[in-house]
């Protein structure tokens, strides 16, 4: 958030217990996955039913993204590729019926390549979201409508043996078999690493967030997908400028470290508990 404050984070395998990647298209990473062989990681892949009016710069979902999802799952395993269907909003075009129908079509194609799907509802309180969605004529999303949609999405998910949970939502959907997600998931990492991890809930996240403590590596206003619901892009001009400043040899996503920048070295240590235990 503070453009001139930079955190320096060590990424050596001895201190990195795991990495979670968020993406809408993992295909550009396929040729470099071998470089991650020393790390445990998994992907959260957002795959919605919105069209070009909402996600203008994404490649074809049927021709590119869904095949990429399947290819990644075949490569690293279904446990490590999580489907995200979010954020959900409703409008004249994207009605509850529309979401249920298209969600079902996606689930039919992905259910053999993932173990679960995570949903969430659009949060209009984000600074960037308010400006991006003002022309979309969204309908008010009442709790009754959320319950109706959630119950039907859960029915579809369960019919394909997919777990379904929500990301940072206050609404309790347990009656439909929908739990609360931990997107940075201690239990999943312990399963993948075959050891305990001594890490607690991330205190810097919202109360409803189930993620454990982690370091977020990223930068606002750098993604060119142009999704209208995005909270991290709120100025197209800055996005273009930041993209032009990208240097693949720089440690920053955009630009170089300047004299006015303040670099803070974060202390990073492993949280693994490798002590052997008798069962």
C-alpha atoms as a PDB file:
ATOM      1  CA  UNK A   1       0.000   0.000   0.000  1.00  0.00           C
ATOM      2  CA  UNK A   2       2.921   2.345   0.730  1.00  0.00           C
ATOM      3  CA  UNK A   3       4.700   2.574  -2.594  1.00  0.00           C
ATOM      4  CA  UNK A   4       7.998   3.717  -1.075  1.00  0.00           C
ATOM      5  CA  UNK A   5       8.138   1.068   1.647  1.00  0.00           C
ATOM      6  CA  UNK A   6       9.599  -2.192   0.416  1.00  0.00           C
ATOM      7  CA  UNK A   7       9.824  -5.450   2.323  1.00  0.00           C
ATOM      8  CA  UNK A   8      12.803  -7.686   1.583  1.00  0.00           C
ATOM      9  CA  UNK A   9      11.782 -11.320   2.022  1.00  0.00           C
ATOM     10  CA  UNK A  10      14.079 -14.326   1.876  1.00  0.00           C
ATOM     11  CA  UNK A  11      12.758 -17.062  -0.427  1.00  0.00           C
ATOM     12  CA  UNK A  12      15.302 -19.781   0.317  1.00  0.00           C
ATOM     13  CA  UNK A  13      13.773 -23.258   0.767  1.00  0.00           C
ATOM     14  CA  UNK A  14      15.033 -23.566   4.345  1.00  0.00           C
ATOM     15  CA  UNK A  15      12.717 -20.762   5.535  1.00  0.00           C
ATOM     16  CA  UNK A  16       9.801 -21.092   3.085  1.00  0.00           C
ATOM     17  CA  UNK A  17       7.418 -23.797   4.295  1.00  0.00           C
ATOM     18  CA  UNK A  18       4.960 -23.291   1.460  1.00  0.00           C
ATOM     19  CA  UNK A  19       3.709 -20.974  -1.266  1.00  0.00           C
ATOM     20  CA  UNK A  20       0.134 -20.276  -2.328  1.00  0.00           C
ATOM     21  CA  UNK A  21      -0.366 -18.877  -5.811  1.00  0.00           C
ATOM     22  CA  UNK A  22      -3.538 -16.989  -6.753  1.00  0.00           C
ATOM     23  CA  UNK A  23      -4.199 -16.782 -10.485  1.00  0.00           C
ATOM     24  CA  UNK A  24      -6.844 -16.779 -13.179  1.00  0.00           C
ATOM     25  CA  UNK A  25      -4.538 -18.417 -15.712  1.00  0.00           C
ATOM     26  CA  UNK A  26      -1.657 -20.682 -14.644  1.00  0.00           C
ATOM     27  CA  UNK A  27      -0.535 -21.471 -18.204  1.00  0.00           C
ATOM     28  CA  UNK A  28       2.389 -18.966 -18.297  1.00  0.00           C
ATOM     29  CA  UNK A  29       3.997 -20.783 -15.338  1.00  0.00           C
ATOM     30  CA  UNK A  30       4.096 -24.260 -16.861  1.00  0.00           C
ATOM     31  CA  UNK A  31       7.582 -23.930 -18.338  1.00  0.00           C
ATOM     32  CA  UNK A  32       9.025 -22.839 -14.971  1.00  0.00           C
ATOM     33  CA  UNK A  33       7.417 -25.200 -12.471  1.00  0.00           C
ATOM     34  CA  UNK A  34      10.677 -27.176 -12.303  1.00  0.00           C
ATOM     35  CA  UNK A  35      12.247 -24.133 -10.639  1.00  0.00           C
ATOM     36  CA  UNK A  36       9.872 -24.700  -7.712  1.00  0.00           C
ATOM     37  CA  UNK A  37      10.907 -28.297  -7.120  1.00  0.00           C
ATOM     38  CA  UNK A  38      12.453 -27.428  -3.720  1.00  0.00           C
ATOM     39  CA  UNK A  39       9.176 -25.952  -2.455  1.00  0.00           C
ATOM     40  CA  UNK A  40       5.741 -27.165  -1.472  1.00  0.00           C
ATOM     41  CA  UNK A  41       3.059 -25.055  -3.111  1.00  0.00           C
ATOM     42  CA  UNK A  42      -0.508 -25.090  -4.306  1.00  0.00           C
ATOM     43  CA  UNK A  43      -2.677 -22.955  -6.552  1.00  0.00           C
ATOM     44  CA  UNK A  44      -5.934 -21.090  -6.042  1.00  0.00           C
ATOM     45  CA  UNK A  45      -7.398 -20.641  -9.536  1.00  0.00           C
ATOM     46  CA  UNK A  46     -10.303 -18.260  -9.993  1.00  0.00           C
ATOM     47  CA  UNK A  47     -12.663 -19.513 -12.678  1.00  0.00           C
ATOM     48  CA  UNK A  48     -16.020 -17.766 -12.915  1.00  0.00           C
ATOM     49  CA  UNK A  49     -18.851 -17.708 -15.431  1.00  0.00           C
ATOM     50  CA  UNK A  50     -18.562 -14.007 -16.286  1.00  0.00           C
ATOM     51  CA  UNK A  51     -18.106 -12.809 -19.836  1.00  0.00           C
ATOM     52  CA  UNK A  52     -15.867 -10.219 -21.469  1.00  0.00           C
ATOM     53  CA  UNK A  53     -18.038  -7.439 -20.080  1.00  0.00           C
ATOM     54  CA  UNK A  54     -16.722  -8.317 -16.620  1.00  0.00           C
ATOM     55  CA  UNK A  55     -13.357  -9.997 -17.332  1.00  0.00           C
ATOM     56  CA  UNK A  56     -12.327  -8.273 -20.584  1.00  0.00           C
ATOM     57  CA  UNK A  57      -8.725  -9.426 -20.966  1.00  0.00           C
ATOM     58  CA  UNK A  58      -8.836 -13.044 -19.863  1.00  0.00           C
ATOM     59  CA  UNK A  59      -8.155 -15.688 -22.520  1.00  0.00           C
ATOM     60  CA  UNK A  60     -10.879 -18.145 -23.492  1.00  0.00           C
ATOM     61  CA  UNK A  61     -11.999 -20.231 -20.523  1.00  0.00           C
ATOM     62  CA  UNK A  62     -12.993 -23.222 -22.617  1.00  0.00           C
ATOM     63  CA  UNK A  63      -9.921 -23.127 -24.865  1.00  0.00           C
ATOM     64  CA  UNK A  64      -7.205 -21.944 -22.453  1.00  0.00           C
ATOM     65  CA  UNK A  65      -8.050 -21.708 -18.764  1.00  0.00           C
ATOM     66  CA  UNK A  66      -9.966 -24.955 -18.191  1.00  0.00           C
ATOM     67  CA  UNK A  67      -7.367 -27.005 -20.145  1.00  0.00           C
ATOM     68  CA  UNK A  68      -4.626 -25.238 -18.136  1.00  0.00           C
ATOM     69  CA  UNK A  69      -6.417 -26.110 -14.888  1.00  0.00           C
ATOM     70  CA  UNK A  70      -6.554 -29.762 -15.898  1.00  0.00           C
ATOM     71  CA  UNK A  71      -2.932 -29.834 -17.068  1.00  0.00           C
ATOM     72  CA  UNK A  72      -1.731 -28.318 -13.797  1.00  0.00           C
ATOM     73  CA  UNK A  73      -3.758 -30.821 -11.785  1.00  0.00           C
ATOM     74  CA  UNK A  74      -2.318 -33.704 -13.792  1.00  0.00           C
ATOM     75  CA  UNK A  75       1.157 -32.354 -13.073  1.00  0.00           C
ATOM     76  CA  UNK A  76       1.014 -31.601  -9.323  1.00  0.00           C
ATOM     77  CA  UNK A  77      -2.141 -33.368  -8.107  1.00  0.00           C
ATOM     78  CA  UNK A  78      -5.776 -32.433  -7.478  1.00  0.00           C
ATOM     79  CA  UNK A  79      -5.116 -31.601  -3.803  1.00  0.00           C
ATOM     80  CA  UNK A  80      -2.881 -28.737  -4.917  1.00  0.00           C
ATOM     81  CA  UNK A  81      -5.264 -27.073  -7.377  1.00  0.00           C
ATOM     82  CA  UNK A  82      -8.231 -25.354  -5.751  1.00  0.00           C
ATOM     83  CA  UNK A  83     -11.092 -23.885  -7.745  1.00  0.00           C
ATOM     84  CA  UNK A  84     -12.387 -20.454  -6.739  1.00  0.00           C
ATOM     85  CA  UNK A  85     -15.758 -19.264  -7.986  1.00  0.00           C
ATOM     86  CA  UNK A  86     -15.703 -15.687  -6.758  1.00  0.00           C
ATOM     87  CA  UNK A  87     -16.599 -12.940  -6.257  1.00  0.00           C
ATOM     88  CA  UNK A  88     -20.280 -13.627  -6.844  1.00  0.00           C
ATOM     89  CA  UNK A  89     -22.682 -10.786  -7.620  1.00  0.00           C
ATOM     90  CA  UNK A  90     -26.089 -10.685  -9.255  1.00  0.00           C
ATOM     91  CA  UNK A  91     -27.441  -8.441 -11.977  1.00  0.00           C
ATOM     92  CA  UNK A  92     -30.036  -8.624 -14.720  1.00  0.00           C
ATOM     93  CA  UNK A  93     -27.647 -10.734 -16.801  1.00  0.00           C
ATOM     94  CA  UNK A  94     -25.910 -12.660 -14.026  1.00  0.00           C
ATOM     95  CA  UNK A  95     -28.915 -13.931 -12.112  1.00  0.00           C
ATOM     96  CA  UNK A  96     -29.052 -16.666  -9.502  1.00  0.00           C
ATOM     97  CA  UNK A  97     -30.292 -19.076 -12.181  1.00  0.00           C
ATOM     98  CA  UNK A  98     -27.400 -18.107 -14.443  1.00  0.00           C
ATOM     99  CA  UNK A  99     -24.828 -18.750 -11.717  1.00  0.00           C
ATOM    100  CA  UNK A 100     -26.272 -22.153 -10.834  1.00  0.00           C
ATOM    101  CA  UNK A 101     -26.399 -23.250 -14.479  1.00  0.00           C
ATOM    102  CA  UNK A 102     -22.881 -22.138 -15.419  1.00  0.00           C
ATOM    103  CA  UNK A 103     -21.365 -23.231 -12.094  1.00  0.00           C
ATOM    104  CA  UNK A 104     -22.699 -26.697 -12.846  1.00  0.00           C
ATOM    105  CA  UNK A 105     -21.107 -26.724 -16.290  1.00  0.00           C
ATOM    106  CA  UNK A 106     -17.716 -25.761 -14.855  1.00  0.00           C
ATOM    107  CA  UNK A 107     -18.011 -28.270 -12.002  1.00  0.00           C
ATOM    108  CA  UNK A 108     -18.744 -31.019 -14.518  1.00  0.00           C
ATOM    109  CA  UNK A 109     -15.432 -30.286 -16.247  1.00  0.00           C
ATOM    110  CA  UNK A 110     -13.264 -29.772 -13.148  1.00  0.00           C
ATOM    111  CA  UNK A 111     -14.501 -32.258 -10.569  1.00  0.00           C
ATOM    112  CA  UNK A 112     -11.876 -34.869 -11.452  1.00  0.00           C
ATOM    113  CA  UNK A 113      -9.101 -32.280 -11.192  1.00  0.00           C
ATOM    114  CA  UNK A 114      -9.713 -30.661  -7.797  1.00  0.00           C
ATOM    115  CA  UNK A 115     -11.014 -31.534  -4.354  1.00  0.00           C
ATOM    116  CA  UNK A 116     -12.949 -28.401  -3.519  1.00  0.00           C
ATOM    117  CA  UNK A 117     -14.376 -25.070  -4.602  1.00  0.00           C
ATOM    118  CA  UNK A 118     -14.290 -21.827  -2.627  1.00  0.00           C
ATOM    119  CA  UNK A 119     -16.940 -19.152  -3.115  1.00  0.00           C
ATOM    120  CA  UNK A 120     -17.396 -15.613  -1.841  1.00  0.00           C
ATOM    121  CA  UNK A 121     -19.727 -12.704  -2.462  1.00  0.00           C
ATOM    122  CA  UNK A 122     -18.622  -9.339  -3.806  1.00  0.00           C
ATOM    123  CA  UNK A 123     -17.474  -6.856  -1.154  1.00  0.00           C
ATOM    124  CA  UNK A 124     -18.290  -3.346  -2.311  1.00  0.00           C
ATOM    125  CA  UNK A 125     -16.455  -1.736   0.608  1.00  0.00           C
ATOM    126  CA  UNK A 126     -13.087  -2.101  -1.102  1.00  0.00           C
ATOM    127  CA  UNK A 127     -11.832   1.193  -2.538  1.00  0.00           C
ATOM    128  CA  UNK A 128     -11.097  -0.226  -5.972  1.00  0.00           C
ATOM    129  CA  UNK A 129     -14.307  -2.256  -6.212  1.00  0.00           C
ATOM    130  CA  UNK A 130     -16.595   0.757  -5.790  1.00  0.00           C
ATOM    131  CA  UNK A 131     -15.118   2.559  -8.765  1.00  0.00           C
ATOM    132  CA  UNK A 132     -14.922  -0.524 -10.975  1.00  0.00           C
ATOM    133  CA  UNK A 133     -18.510  -1.730 -10.545  1.00  0.00           C
ATOM    134  CA  UNK A 134     -20.446   1.565 -10.587  1.00  0.00           C
ATOM    135  CA  UNK A 135     -21.558   1.021 -14.202  1.00  0.00           C
ATOM    136  CA  UNK A 136     -22.587  -2.619 -13.798  1.00  0.00           C
ATOM    137  CA  UNK A 137     -26.058  -2.010 -12.311  1.00  0.00           C
ATOM    138  CA  UNK A 138     -25.707  -4.714  -9.693  1.00  0.00           C
ATOM    139  CA  UNK A 139     -28.751  -5.881  -7.790  1.00  0.00           C
ATOM    140  CA  UNK A 140     -28.869  -5.782  -4.016  1.00  0.00           C
ATOM    141  CA  UNK A 141     -27.618  -9.124  -2.740  1.00  0.00           C
ATOM    142  CA  UNK A 142     -29.828  -9.878   0.253  1.00  0.00           C
ATOM    143  CA  UNK A 143     -29.062 -12.662   2.722  1.00  0.00           C
ATOM    144  CA  UNK A 144     -32.092 -14.578   1.488  1.00  0.00           C
ATOM    145  CA  UNK A 145     -30.711 -14.520  -2.064  1.00  0.00           C
ATOM    146  CA  UNK A 146     -27.268 -15.589  -0.850  1.00  0.00           C
ATOM    147  CA  UNK A 147     -28.837 -18.506   1.006  1.00  0.00           C
ATOM    148  CA  UNK A 148     -30.838 -19.533  -2.035  1.00  0.00           C
ATOM    149  CA  UNK A 149     -27.834 -19.434  -4.349  1.00  0.00           C
ATOM    150  CA  UNK A 150     -25.506 -21.094  -1.842  1.00  0.00           C
ATOM    151  CA  UNK A 151     -27.862 -24.011  -1.259  1.00  0.00           C
ATOM    152  CA  UNK A 152     -28.015 -24.707  -4.991  1.00  0.00           C
ATOM    153  CA  UNK A 153     -24.254 -24.341  -5.514  1.00  0.00           C
ATOM    154  CA  UNK A 154     -23.714 -26.724  -2.609  1.00  0.00           C
ATOM    155  CA  UNK A 155     -26.098 -29.237  -4.151  1.00  0.00           C
ATOM    156  CA  UNK A 156     -24.168 -29.115  -7.408  1.00  0.00           C
ATOM    157  CA  UNK A 157     -20.791 -29.391  -5.636  1.00  0.00           C
ATOM    158  CA  UNK A 158     -21.827 -32.330  -3.516  1.00  0.00           C
ATOM    159  CA  UNK A 159     -23.217 -34.139  -6.549  1.00  0.00           C
ATOM    160  CA  UNK A 160     -19.653 -34.101  -7.911  1.00  0.00           C
ATOM    161  CA  UNK A 161     -18.066 -34.988  -4.541  1.00  0.00           C
ATOM    162  CA  UNK A 162     -16.545 -31.520  -4.238  1.00  0.00           C
ATOM    163  CA  UNK A 163     -16.127 -29.828  -0.882  1.00  0.00           C
ATOM    164  CA  UNK A 164     -17.428 -26.264  -0.880  1.00  0.00           C
ATOM    165  CA  UNK A 165     -16.523 -23.441   1.499  1.00  0.00           C
ATOM    166  CA  UNK A 166     -16.625 -19.646   1.709  1.00  0.00           C
ATOM    167  CA  UNK A 167     -13.789 -17.142   1.841  1.00  0.00           C
ATOM    168  CA  UNK A 168     -13.978 -14.568   4.672  1.00  0.00           C
ATOM    169  CA  UNK A 169     -17.777 -14.488   4.793  1.00  0.00           C
ATOM    170  CA  UNK A 170     -19.750 -13.615   7.935  1.00  0.00           C
ATOM    171  CA  UNK A 171     -22.813 -15.494   6.709  1.00  0.00           C
ATOM    172  CA  UNK A 172     -23.182 -18.995   8.164  1.00  0.00           C
ATOM    173  CA  UNK A 173     -24.006 -21.519   5.454  1.00  0.00           C
ATOM    174  CA  UNK A 174     -23.338 -24.623   7.496  1.00  0.00           C
ATOM    175  CA  UNK A 175     -26.910 -25.808   7.005  1.00  0.00           C
ATOM    176  CA  UNK A 176     -26.032 -26.410   3.346  1.00  0.00           C
ATOM    177  CA  UNK A 177     -22.784 -28.223   4.105  1.00  0.00           C
ATOM    178  CA  UNK A 178     -20.684 -25.146   3.328  1.00  0.00           C
ATOM    179  CA  UNK A 179     -17.795 -24.458   5.700  1.00  0.00           C
ATOM    180  CA  UNK A 180     -15.440 -21.514   6.198  1.00  0.00           C
ATOM    181  CA  UNK A 181     -12.292 -21.597   4.085  1.00  0.00           C
ATOM    182  CA  UNK A 182      -8.664 -21.274   5.058  1.00  0.00           C
ATOM    183  CA  UNK A 183      -7.151 -20.174   1.780  1.00  0.00           C
ATOM    184  CA  UNK A 184      -3.674 -20.316   3.314  1.00  0.00           C
ATOM    185  CA  UNK A 185      -4.460 -23.635   4.885  1.00  0.00           C
ATOM    186  CA  UNK A 186      -2.433 -25.033   7.792  1.00  0.00           C
ATOM    187  CA  UNK A 187      -4.098 -28.448   7.575  1.00  0.00           C
ATOM    188  CA  UNK A 188      -3.465 -28.779   3.847  1.00  0.00           C
ATOM    189  CA  UNK A 189       0.189 -27.826   4.180  1.00  0.00           C
ATOM    190  CA  UNK A 190       0.640 -30.285   7.046  1.00  0.00           C
ATOM    191  CA  UNK A 191      -0.856 -32.988   4.848  1.00  0.00           C
ATOM    192  CA  UNK A 192       1.360 -32.093   1.894  1.00  0.00           C
ATOM    193  CA  UNK A 193       4.524 -31.682   3.979  1.00  0.00           C
ATOM    194  CA  UNK A 194       3.838 -34.708   6.204  1.00  0.00           C
ATOM    195  CA  UNK A 195       4.722 -32.757   9.341  1.00  0.00           C
ATOM    196  CA  UNK A 196       3.188 -30.341  11.828  1.00  0.00           C
ATOM    197  CA  UNK A 197       3.470 -26.578  11.349  1.00  0.00           C
ATOM    198  CA  UNK A 198       3.618 -24.261  14.355  1.00  0.00           C
ATOM    199  CA  UNK A 199       1.686 -21.334  12.945  1.00  0.00           C
ATOM    200  CA  UNK A 200      -1.387 -19.462  14.148  1.00  0.00           C
ATOM    201  CA  UNK A 201      -4.212 -17.510  12.533  1.00  0.00           C
ATOM    202  CA  UNK A 202      -3.146 -14.392  10.657  1.00  0.00           C
ATOM    203  CA  UNK A 203      -3.975 -11.478  12.980  1.00  0.00           C
ATOM    204  CA  UNK A 204      -3.732  -8.955  10.128  1.00  0.00           C
ATOM    205  CA  UNK A 205      -6.720 -10.410   8.267  1.00  0.00           C
ATOM    206  CA  UNK A 206     -10.447  -9.970   8.823  1.00  0.00           C
ATOM    207  CA  UNK A 207     -12.025 -11.833  11.713  1.00  0.00           C
ATOM    208  CA  UNK A 208     -13.859 -14.140   9.278  1.00  0.00           C
ATOM    209  CA  UNK A 209     -10.647 -15.072   7.463  1.00  0.00           C
ATOM    210  CA  UNK A 210      -9.345 -18.530   8.347  1.00  0.00           C
ATOM    211  CA  UNK A 211      -5.864 -18.088   6.856  1.00  0.00           C
ATOM    212  CA  UNK A 212      -2.767 -18.715   8.928  1.00  0.00           C
ATOM    213  CA  UNK A 213       0.025 -16.182   9.229  1.00  0.00           C
ATOM    214  CA  UNK A 214       1.944 -15.568   6.018  1.00  0.00           C
ATOM    215  CA  UNK A 215       3.744 -12.914   4.003  1.00  0.00           C
ATOM    216  CA  UNK A 216       1.819 -11.489   1.065  1.00  0.00           C
ATOM    217  CA  UNK A 217       4.030 -10.809  -1.944  1.00  0.00           C
ATOM    218  CA  UNK A 218       2.398  -8.609  -4.543  1.00  0.00           C
ATOM    219  CA  UNK A 219       1.672  -5.089  -5.741  1.00  0.00           C
ATOM    220  CA  UNK A 220      -1.522  -3.196  -6.455  1.00  0.00           C
ATOM    221  CA  UNK A 221      -2.274  -1.830  -9.946  1.00  0.00           C
ATOM    222  CA  UNK A 222      -0.119  -4.316 -11.855  1.00  0.00           C
ATOM    223  CA  UNK A 223      -2.603  -6.780 -13.395  1.00  0.00           C
ATOM    224  CA  UNK A 224      -3.777  -6.216 -16.967  1.00  0.00           C
ATOM    225  CA  UNK A 225      -6.774  -8.575 -16.845  1.00  0.00           C
ATOM    226  CA  UNK A 226      -9.020  -5.579 -16.151  1.00  0.00           C
ATOM    227  CA  UNK A 227     -11.682  -7.497 -14.197  1.00  0.00           C
ATOM    228  CA  UNK A 228     -14.442  -5.098 -13.212  1.00  0.00           C
ATOM    229  CA  UNK A 229     -14.808  -6.472  -9.677  1.00  0.00           C
ATOM    230  CA  UNK A 230     -11.092  -6.259  -8.804  1.00  0.00           C
ATOM    231  CA  UNK A 231     -10.042  -4.626  -5.526  1.00  0.00           C
ATOM    232  CA  UNK A 232      -6.332  -4.482  -6.433  1.00  0.00           C
ATOM    233  CA  UNK A 233      -6.637  -2.423  -9.633  1.00  0.00           C
ATOM    234  CA  UNK A 234      -8.284   0.972  -9.358  1.00  0.00           C
ATOM    235  CA  UNK A 235      -6.412   3.103 -11.912  1.00  0.00           C
ATOM    236  CA  UNK A 236      -5.933   1.821 -15.496  1.00  0.00           C
ATOM    237  CA  UNK A 237      -3.310   4.487 -16.182  1.00  0.00           C
ATOM    238  CA  UNK A 238      -1.173   3.389 -13.257  1.00  0.00           C
ATOM    239  CA  UNK A 239      -1.610  -0.262 -14.304  1.00  0.00           C
ATOM    240  CA  UNK A 240      -0.206   0.526 -17.760  1.00  0.00           C
ATOM    241  CA  UNK A 241       2.644   2.568 -16.281  1.00  0.00           C
ATOM    242  CA  UNK A 242       3.578  -0.142 -13.795  1.00  0.00           C
ATOM    243  CA  UNK A 243       3.471  -2.786 -16.521  1.00  0.00           C
ATOM    244  CA  UNK A 244       5.835  -0.773 -18.719  1.00  0.00           C
ATOM    245  CA  UNK A 245       8.259  -0.461 -15.782  1.00  0.00           C
ATOM    246  CA  UNK A 246       8.451  -4.212 -15.259  1.00  0.00           C
ATOM    247  CA  UNK A 247      11.981  -5.571 -15.445  1.00  0.00           C
ATOM    248  CA  UNK A 248      12.257  -9.379 -15.114  1.00  0.00           C
ATOM    249  CA  UNK A 249      15.755  -8.937 -13.630  1.00  0.00           C
ATOM    250  CA  UNK A 250      14.546  -6.598 -10.885  1.00  0.00           C
ATOM    251  CA  UNK A 251      13.532  -7.932  -7.455  1.00  0.00           C
ATOM    252  CA  UNK A 252      10.429  -5.735  -7.684  1.00  0.00           C
ATOM    253  CA  UNK A 253       7.300  -6.476  -9.712  1.00  0.00           C
ATOM    254  CA  UNK A 254       7.489  -2.974 -11.169  1.00  0.00           C
ATOM    255  CA  UNK A 255      10.503  -0.714 -11.489  1.00  0.00           C
ATOM    256  CA  UNK A 256      13.734  -0.609  -9.528  1.00  0.00           C
ATOM    257  CA  UNK A 257      14.671   0.216  -5.940  1.00  0.00           C
ATOM    258  CA  UNK A 258      15.240   3.986  -5.750  1.00  0.00           C
ATOM    259  CA  UNK A 259      17.072   6.258  -3.329  1.00  0.00           C
ATOM    260  CA  UNK A 260      13.802   7.378  -1.733  1.00  0.00           C
ATOM    261  CA  UNK A 261      12.670   3.807  -1.048  1.00  0.00           C
ATOM    262  CA  UNK A 262      12.878   2.378   2.463  1.00  0.00           C
ATOM    263  CA  UNK A 263      13.788  -1.297   2.484  1.00  0.00           C
ATOM    264  CA  UNK A 264      12.745  -3.334   5.505  1.00  0.00           C
ATOM    265  CA  UNK A 265      14.229  -6.814   5.841  1.00  0.00           C
ATOM    266  CA  UNK A 266      11.579  -9.115   7.273  1.00  0.00           C
ATOM    267  CA  UNK A 267      12.696 -11.876   9.590  1.00  0.00           C
ATOM    268  CA  UNK A 268      11.637 -15.179   8.062  1.00  0.00           C
ATOM    269  CA  UNK A 269      11.959 -18.538   9.807  1.00  0.00           C
ATOM    270  CA  UNK A 270      10.567 -21.985   9.173  1.00  0.00           C
ATOM    271  CA  UNK A 271       7.514 -23.056  11.192  1.00  0.00           C
ATOM    272  CA  UNK A 272       7.929 -26.782  10.581  1.00  0.00           C
ATOM    273  CA  UNK A 273       7.928 -29.158  13.507  1.00  0.00           C
ATOM    274  CA  UNK A 274       9.926 -32.138  12.286  1.00  0.00           C
ATOM    275  CA  UNK A 275      10.056 -33.894  15.650  1.00  0.00           C
ATOM    276  CA  UNK A 276       9.232 -37.574  15.338  1.00  0.00           C
ATOM    277  CA  UNK A 277       6.258 -38.777  17.340  1.00  0.00           C
ATOM    278  CA  UNK A 278       5.057 -42.210  18.385  1.00  0.00           C
ATOM    279  CA  UNK A 279       1.544 -42.912  17.170  1.00  0.00           C
END
